[in-house]
């Protein structure tokens, strides 16, 4: 896609969203709940993307990676 088409595509998507919200104004409670869920998911995705360390490192970890256990204690 050409760089000149990106702003046009963004404007078209924004306009389409406005048209859909306007068309569904009779169902404002459903539209509001849907938009709130989408914003929540977006915030979670941004939070995960900005996390300082990878979560995969901790999923594959064992107790020995975080604590040093004495052999006499177990």
PDB file of N, CA and C in Angstrom:
ATOM      1  N   UNK A   1       0.848  -1.166   0.000  1.00  0.00           N
ATOM      2  CA  UNK A   1       0.000   0.000   0.000  1.00  0.00           C
ATOM      3  C   UNK A   1       0.897   1.233   0.000  1.00  0.00           C
ATOM      4  N   UNK A   2       0.573   2.149  -0.802  1.00  0.00           N
ATOM      5  CA  UNK A   2       1.345   3.376  -0.909  1.00  0.00           C
ATOM      6  C   UNK A   2       1.135   4.234   0.340  1.00  0.00           C
ATOM      7  N   UNK A   3       2.164   5.047   0.653  1.00  0.00           N
ATOM      8  CA  UNK A   3       2.046   5.913   1.825  1.00  0.00           C
ATOM      9  C   UNK A   3       0.965   6.966   1.633  1.00  0.00           C
ATOM     10  N   UNK A   4       0.634   7.300   0.406  1.00  0.00           N
ATOM     11  CA  UNK A   4      -0.412   8.289   0.156  1.00  0.00           C
ATOM     12  C   UNK A   4      -1.801   7.713   0.448  1.00  0.00           C
ATOM     13  N   UNK A   5      -1.925   6.404   0.392  1.00  0.00           N
ATOM     14  CA  UNK A   5      -3.226   5.781   0.636  1.00  0.00           C
ATOM     15  C   UNK A   5      -3.510   5.532   2.120  1.00  0.00           C
ATOM     16  N   UNK A   6      -2.486   5.554   2.951  1.00  0.00           N
ATOM     17  CA  UNK A   6      -2.686   5.277   4.380  1.00  0.00           C
ATOM     18  C   UNK A   6      -3.610   6.308   5.027  1.00  0.00           C
ATOM     19  N   UNK A   7      -3.382   7.622   4.845  1.00  0.00           N
ATOM     20  CA  UNK A   7      -4.322   8.580   5.451  1.00  0.00           C
ATOM     21  C   UNK A   7      -5.740   8.453   4.910  1.00  0.00           C
ATOM     22  N   UNK A   8      -5.881   8.114   3.646  1.00  0.00           N
ATOM     23  CA  UNK A   8      -7.211   7.944   3.054  1.00  0.00           C
ATOM     24  C   UNK A   8      -7.903   6.729   3.674  1.00  0.00           C
ATOM     25  N   UNK A   9      -7.160   5.647   3.863  1.00  0.00           N
ATOM     26  CA  UNK A   9      -7.732   4.447   4.483  1.00  0.00           C
ATOM     27  C   UNK A   9      -8.123   4.721   5.938  1.00  0.00           C
ATOM     28  N   UNK A  10      -7.282   5.462   6.661  1.00  0.00           N
ATOM     29  CA  UNK A  10      -7.615   5.802   8.038  1.00  0.00           C
ATOM     30  C   UNK A  10      -8.872   6.670   8.105  1.00  0.00           C
ATOM     31  N   UNK A  11      -8.973   7.639   7.219  1.00  0.00           N
ATOM     32  CA  UNK A  11     -10.152   8.508   7.202  1.00  0.00           C
ATOM     33  C   UNK A  11     -11.403   7.716   6.840  1.00  0.00           C
ATOM     34  N   UNK A  12     -11.267   6.792   5.900  1.00  0.00           N
ATOM     35  CA  UNK A  12     -12.410   5.975   5.503  1.00  0.00           C
ATOM     36  C   UNK A  12     -12.862   5.076   6.657  1.00  0.00           C
ATOM     37  N   UNK A  13     -11.906   4.502   7.377  1.00  0.00           N
ATOM     38  CA  UNK A  13     -12.248   3.644   8.517  1.00  0.00           C
ATOM     39  C   UNK A  13     -12.910   4.457   9.630  1.00  0.00           C
ATOM     40  N   UNK A  14     -12.391   5.643   9.900  1.00  0.00           N
ATOM     41  CA  UNK A  14     -12.987   6.516  10.914  1.00  0.00           C
ATOM     42  C   UNK A  14     -14.412   6.894  10.526  1.00  0.00           C
ATOM     43  N   UNK A  15     -14.609   7.265   9.254  1.00  0.00           N
ATOM     44  CA  UNK A  15     -15.937   7.650   8.770  1.00  0.00           C
ATOM     45  C   UNK A  15     -16.902   6.470   8.854  1.00  0.00           C
ATOM     46  N   UNK A  16     -16.429   5.281   8.495  1.00  0.00           N
ATOM     47  CA  UNK A  16     -17.264   4.081   8.584  1.00  0.00           C
ATOM     48  C   UNK A  16     -17.683   3.829  10.028  1.00  0.00           C
ATOM     49  N   UNK A  17     -16.752   4.009  10.970  1.00  0.00           N
ATOM     50  CA  UNK A  17     -17.084   3.834  12.385  1.00  0.00           C
ATOM     51  C   UNK A  17     -18.127   4.834  12.848  1.00  0.00           C
ATOM     52  N   UNK A  18     -17.983   6.081  12.402  1.00  0.00           N
ATOM     53  CA  UNK A  18     -18.971   7.108  12.770  1.00  0.00           C
ATOM     54  C   UNK A  18     -20.347   6.778  12.199  1.00  0.00           C
ATOM     55  N   UNK A  19     -20.371   6.289  10.966  1.00  0.00           N
ATOM     56  CA  UNK A  19     -21.645   5.918  10.334  1.00  0.00           C
ATOM     57  C   UNK A  19     -22.295   4.760  11.094  1.00  0.00           C
ATOM     58  N   UNK A  20     -21.490   3.790  11.501  1.00  0.00           N
ATOM     59  CA  UNK A  20     -22.045   2.652  12.242  1.00  0.00           C
ATOM     60  C   UNK A  20     -22.587   3.085  13.610  1.00  0.00           C
ATOM     61  N   UNK A  21     -21.855   3.945  14.294  1.00  0.00           N
ATOM     62  CA  UNK A  21     -22.336   4.431  15.589  1.00  0.00           C
ATOM     63  C   UNK A  21     -23.627   5.226  15.412  1.00  0.00           C
ATOM     64  N   UNK A  22     -23.664   6.035  14.367  1.00  0.00           N
ATOM     65  CA  UNK A  22     -24.881   6.815  14.100  1.00  0.00           C
ATOM     66  C   UNK A  22     -26.050   5.901  13.743  1.00  0.00           C
ATOM     67  N   UNK A  23     -25.791   4.856  12.971  1.00  0.00           N
ATOM     68  CA  UNK A  23     -26.862   3.936  12.575  1.00  0.00           C
ATOM     69  C   UNK A  23     -27.389   3.139  13.773  1.00  0.00           C
ATOM     70  N   UNK A  24     -26.536   2.900  14.751  1.00  0.00           N
ATOM     71  CA  UNK A  24     -26.935   2.107  15.921  1.00  0.00           C
ATOM     72  C   UNK A  24     -27.269   2.977  17.127  1.00  0.00           C
ATOM     73  N   UNK A  25     -27.620   4.221  16.920  1.00  0.00           N
ATOM     74  CA  UNK A  25     -27.871   5.121  18.047  1.00  0.00           C
ATOM     75  C   UNK A  25     -29.086   4.703  18.864  1.00  0.00           C
ATOM     76  N   UNK A  26     -29.977   3.907  18.292  1.00  0.00           N
ATOM     77  CA  UNK A  26     -31.132   3.410  19.057  1.00  0.00           C
ATOM     78  C   UNK A  26     -30.715   2.360  20.077  1.00  0.00           C
ATOM     79  N   UNK A  27     -29.544   1.775  19.847  1.00  0.00           N
ATOM     80  CA  UNK A  27     -29.009   0.754  20.749  1.00  0.00           C
ATOM     81  C   UNK A  27     -27.764   1.298  21.448  1.00  0.00           C
ATOM     82  N   UNK A  28     -27.914   2.472  22.029  1.00  0.00           N
ATOM     83  CA  UNK A  28     -26.768   3.172  22.615  1.00  0.00           C
ATOM     84  C   UNK A  28     -26.109   2.373  23.731  1.00  0.00           C
ATOM     85  N   UNK A  29     -26.887   1.641  24.516  1.00  0.00           N
ATOM     86  CA  UNK A  29     -26.302   0.875  25.610  1.00  0.00           C
ATOM     87  C   UNK A  29     -25.399  -0.242  25.101  1.00  0.00           C
ATOM     88  N   UNK A  30     -25.798  -0.900  24.011  1.00  0.00           N
ATOM     89  CA  UNK A  30     -24.981  -1.963  23.427  1.00  0.00           C
ATOM     90  C   UNK A  30     -23.715  -1.371  22.811  1.00  0.00           C
ATOM     91  N   UNK A  31     -23.861  -0.256  22.110  1.00  0.00           N
ATOM     92  CA  UNK A  31     -22.698   0.397  21.486  1.00  0.00           C
ATOM     93  C   UNK A  31     -21.720   0.848  22.561  1.00  0.00           C
ATOM     94  N   UNK A  32     -22.220   1.409  23.641  1.00  0.00           N
ATOM     95  CA  UNK A  32     -21.363   1.875  24.725  1.00  0.00           C
ATOM     96  C   UNK A  32     -20.615   0.712  25.372  1.00  0.00           C
ATOM     97  N   UNK A  33     -21.306  -0.374  25.636  1.00  0.00           N
ATOM     98  CA  UNK A  33     -20.658  -1.542  26.238  1.00  0.00           C
ATOM     99  C   UNK A  33     -19.608  -2.132  25.307  1.00  0.00           C
ATOM    100  N   UNK A  34     -19.909  -2.198  24.023  1.00  0.00           N
ATOM    101  CA  UNK A  34     -18.964  -2.731  23.045  1.00  0.00           C
ATOM    102  C   UNK A  34     -17.716  -1.856  22.963  1.00  0.00           C
ATOM    103  N   UNK A  35     -17.906  -0.551  22.895  1.00  0.00           N
ATOM    104  CA  UNK A  35     -16.763   0.353  22.829  1.00  0.00           C
ATOM    105  C   UNK A  35     -15.942   0.299  24.117  1.00  0.00           C
ATOM    106  N   UNK A  36     -16.590   0.158  25.255  1.00  0.00           N
ATOM    107  CA  UNK A  36     -15.868   0.045  26.520  1.00  0.00           C
ATOM    108  C   UNK A  36     -15.028  -1.228  26.553  1.00  0.00           C
ATOM    109  N   UNK A  37     -15.566  -2.323  26.060  1.00  0.00           N
ATOM    110  CA  UNK A  37     -14.800  -3.574  26.001  1.00  0.00           C
ATOM    111  C   UNK A  37     -13.606  -3.444  25.052  1.00  0.00           C
ATOM    112  N   UNK A  38     -13.814  -2.816  23.918  1.00  0.00           N
ATOM    113  CA  UNK A  38     -12.713  -2.626  22.975  1.00  0.00           C
ATOM    114  C   UNK A  38     -11.613  -1.743  23.552  1.00  0.00           C
ATOM    115  N   UNK A  39     -11.990  -0.700  24.252  1.00  0.00           N
ATOM    116  CA  UNK A  39     -10.989   0.172  24.878  1.00  0.00           C
ATOM    117  C   UNK A  39     -10.230  -0.589  25.962  1.00  0.00           C
ATOM    118  N   UNK A  40     -10.938  -1.408  26.738  1.00  0.00           N
ATOM    119  CA  UNK A  40     -10.286  -2.200  27.773  1.00  0.00           C
ATOM    120  C   UNK A  40      -9.285  -3.170  27.162  1.00  0.00           C
ATOM    121  N   UNK A  41      -9.666  -3.850  26.090  1.00  0.00           N
ATOM    122  CA  UNK A  41      -8.749  -4.758  25.410  1.00  0.00           C
ATOM    123  C   UNK A  41      -7.546  -4.018  24.840  1.00  0.00           C
ATOM    124  N   UNK A  42      -7.780  -2.839  24.286  1.00  0.00           N
ATOM    125  CA  UNK A  42      -6.684  -2.037  23.744  1.00  0.00           C
ATOM    126  C   UNK A  42      -5.704  -1.632  24.838  1.00  0.00           C
ATOM    127  N   UNK A  43      -6.214  -1.216  25.992  1.00  0.00           N
ATOM    128  CA  UNK A  43      -5.345  -0.839  27.110  1.00  0.00           C
ATOM    129  C   UNK A  43      -4.545  -2.043  27.600  1.00  0.00           C
ATOM    130  N   UNK A  44      -5.177  -3.209  27.683  1.00  0.00           N
ATOM    131  CA  UNK A  44      -4.464  -4.416  28.092  1.00  0.00           C
ATOM    132  C   UNK A  44      -3.379  -4.799  27.095  1.00  0.00           C
ATOM    133  N   UNK A  45      -3.683  -4.697  25.804  1.00  0.00           N
ATOM    134  CA  UNK A  45      -2.688  -5.023  24.778  1.00  0.00           C
ATOM    135  C   UNK A  45      -1.507  -4.061  24.840  1.00  0.00           C
ATOM    136  N   UNK A  46      -1.772  -2.784  25.046  1.00  0.00           N
ATOM    137  CA  UNK A  46      -0.687  -1.812  25.148  1.00  0.00           C
ATOM    138  C   UNK A  46       0.134  -2.073  26.415  1.00  0.00           C
ATOM    139  N   UNK A  47      -0.528  -2.401  27.499  1.00  0.00           N
ATOM    140  CA  UNK A  47       0.186  -2.709  28.733  1.00  0.00           C
ATOM    141  C   UNK A  47       1.082  -3.927  28.598  1.00  0.00           C
ATOM    142  N   UNK A  48       0.595  -4.963  27.936  1.00  0.00           N
ATOM    143  CA  UNK A  48       1.413  -6.157  27.726  1.00  0.00           C
ATOM    144  C   UNK A  48       2.567  -5.863  26.779  1.00  0.00           C
ATOM    145  N   UNK A  49       2.305  -5.082  25.746  1.00  0.00           N
ATOM    146  CA  UNK A  49       3.361  -4.756  24.792  1.00  0.00           C
ATOM    147  C   UNK A  49       4.448  -3.894  25.420  1.00  0.00           C
ATOM    148  N   UNK A  50       4.108  -3.093  26.410  1.00  0.00           N
ATOM    149  CA  UNK A  50       5.077  -2.204  27.059  1.00  0.00           C
ATOM    150  C   UNK A  50       5.683  -2.820  28.312  1.00  0.00           C
ATOM    151  N   UNK A  51       5.377  -4.062  28.592  1.00  0.00           N
ATOM    152  CA  UNK A  51       5.934  -4.717  29.777  1.00  0.00           C
ATOM    153  C   UNK A  51       7.448  -4.812  29.631  1.00  0.00           C
ATOM    154  N   UNK A  52       8.175  -4.630  30.728  1.00  0.00           N
ATOM    155  CA  UNK A  52       9.635  -4.597  30.618  1.00  0.00           C
ATOM    156  C   UNK A  52      10.279  -5.938  30.295  1.00  0.00           C
ATOM    157  N   UNK A  53       9.667  -7.041  30.674  1.00  0.00           N
ATOM    158  CA  UNK A  53      10.254  -8.351  30.418  1.00  0.00           C
ATOM    159  C   UNK A  53       9.214  -9.277  29.801  1.00  0.00           C
ATOM    160  N   UNK A  54       9.696 -10.279  29.142  1.00  0.00           N
ATOM    161  CA  UNK A  54       8.816 -11.232  28.491  1.00  0.00           C
ATOM    162  C   UNK A  54       8.148 -12.140  29.523  1.00  0.00           C
ATOM    163  N   UNK A  55       6.857 -12.392  29.338  1.00  0.00           N
ATOM    164  CA  UNK A  55       6.141 -13.295  30.229  1.00  0.00           C
ATOM    165  C   UNK A  55       6.493 -14.753  29.954  1.00  0.00           C
ATOM    166  N   UNK A  56       6.985 -15.051  28.757  1.00  0.00           N
ATOM    167  CA  UNK A  56       7.336 -16.423  28.412  1.00  0.00           C
ATOM    168  C   UNK A  56       8.473 -16.929  29.301  1.00  0.00           C
ATOM    169  N   UNK A  57       9.331 -16.028  29.739  1.00  0.00           N
ATOM    170  CA  UNK A  57      10.439 -16.411  30.614  1.00  0.00           C
ATOM    171  C   UNK A  57       9.917 -16.983  31.923  1.00  0.00           C
ATOM    172  N   UNK A  58       8.836 -16.418  32.434  1.00  0.00           N
ATOM    173  CA  UNK A  58       8.295 -16.865  33.706  1.00  0.00           C
ATOM    174  C   UNK A  58       7.377 -18.078  33.560  1.00  0.00           C
ATOM    175  N   UNK A  59       6.816 -18.302  32.395  1.00  0.00           N
ATOM    176  CA  UNK A  59       5.946 -19.451  32.194  1.00  0.00           C
ATOM    177  C   UNK A  59       6.737 -20.751  32.207  1.00  0.00           C
ATOM    178  N   UNK A  60       7.964 -20.713  31.709  1.00  0.00           N
ATOM    179  CA  UNK A  60       8.782 -21.922  31.641  1.00  0.00           C
ATOM    180  C   UNK A  60       9.711 -22.052  32.838  1.00  0.00           C
ATOM    181  N   UNK A  61       9.611 -21.180  33.810  1.00  0.00           N
ATOM    182  CA  UNK A  61      10.525 -21.170  34.945  1.00  0.00           C
ATOM    183  C   UNK A  61      10.123 -22.207  35.990  1.00  0.00           C
ATOM    184  N   UNK A  62      11.092 -22.637  36.750  1.00  0.00           N
ATOM    185  CA  UNK A  62      10.837 -23.537  37.871  1.00  0.00           C
ATOM    186  C   UNK A  62      11.145 -22.792  39.169  1.00  0.00           C
ATOM    187  N   UNK A  63      10.857 -23.418  40.298  1.00  0.00           N
ATOM    188  CA  UNK A  63      11.082 -22.763  41.587  1.00  0.00           C
ATOM    189  C   UNK A  63      12.563 -22.499  41.813  1.00  0.00           C
ATOM    190  N   UNK A  64      13.416 -23.320  41.252  1.00  0.00           N
ATOM    191  CA  UNK A  64      14.859 -23.137  41.423  1.00  0.00           C
ATOM    192  C   UNK A  64      15.397 -21.895  40.739  1.00  0.00           C
ATOM    193  N   UNK A  65      14.659 -21.360  39.780  1.00  0.00           N
ATOM    194  CA  UNK A  65      15.105 -20.151  39.099  1.00  0.00           C
ATOM    195  C   UNK A  65      14.933 -18.914  39.967  1.00  0.00           C
ATOM    196  N   UNK A  66      14.046 -18.959  40.946  1.00  0.00           N
ATOM    197  CA  UNK A  66      13.742 -17.793  41.753  1.00  0.00           C
ATOM    198  C   UNK A  66      14.217 -17.910  43.207  1.00  0.00           C
ATOM    199  N   UNK A  67      14.425 -19.120  43.683  1.00  0.00           N
ATOM    200  CA  UNK A  67      14.827 -19.314  45.069  1.00  0.00           C
ATOM    201  C   UNK A  67      15.940 -20.353  45.113  1.00  0.00           C
ATOM    202  N   UNK A  68      16.838 -20.140  46.028  1.00  0.00           N
ATOM    203  CA  UNK A  68      17.919 -21.102  46.211  1.00  0.00           C
ATOM    204  C   UNK A  68      17.563 -21.971  47.407  1.00  0.00           C
ATOM    205  N   UNK A  69      17.300 -23.251  47.163  1.00  0.00           N
ATOM    206  CA  UNK A  69      16.856 -24.149  48.223  1.00  0.00           C
ATOM    207  C   UNK A  69      18.031 -24.959  48.741  1.00  0.00           C
ATOM    208  N   UNK A  70      18.069 -25.130  50.026  1.00  0.00           N
ATOM    209  CA  UNK A  70      19.096 -25.949  50.652  1.00  0.00           C
ATOM    210  C   UNK A  70      18.708 -27.425  50.511  1.00  0.00           C
ATOM    211  N   UNK A  71      19.628 -28.283  50.174  1.00  0.00           N
ATOM    212  CA  UNK A  71      19.285 -29.715  50.039  1.00  0.00           C
ATOM    213  C   UNK A  71      18.747 -30.335  51.318  1.00  0.00           C
ATOM    214  N   UNK A  72      19.122 -29.797  52.474  1.00  0.00           N
ATOM    215  CA  UNK A  72      18.674 -30.373  53.742  1.00  0.00           C
ATOM    216  C   UNK A  72      17.213 -30.042  54.047  1.00  0.00           C
ATOM    217  N   UNK A  73      16.617 -29.090  53.336  1.00  0.00           N
ATOM    218  CA  UNK A  73      15.251 -28.698  53.662  1.00  0.00           C
ATOM    219  C   UNK A  73      14.192 -29.518  52.946  1.00  0.00           C
ATOM    220  N   UNK A  74      14.595 -30.335  52.023  1.00  0.00           N
ATOM    221  CA  UNK A  74      13.581 -31.150  51.341  1.00  0.00           C
ATOM    222  C   UNK A  74      13.964 -32.564  51.182  1.00  0.00           C
TER     223      UNK A  74
END
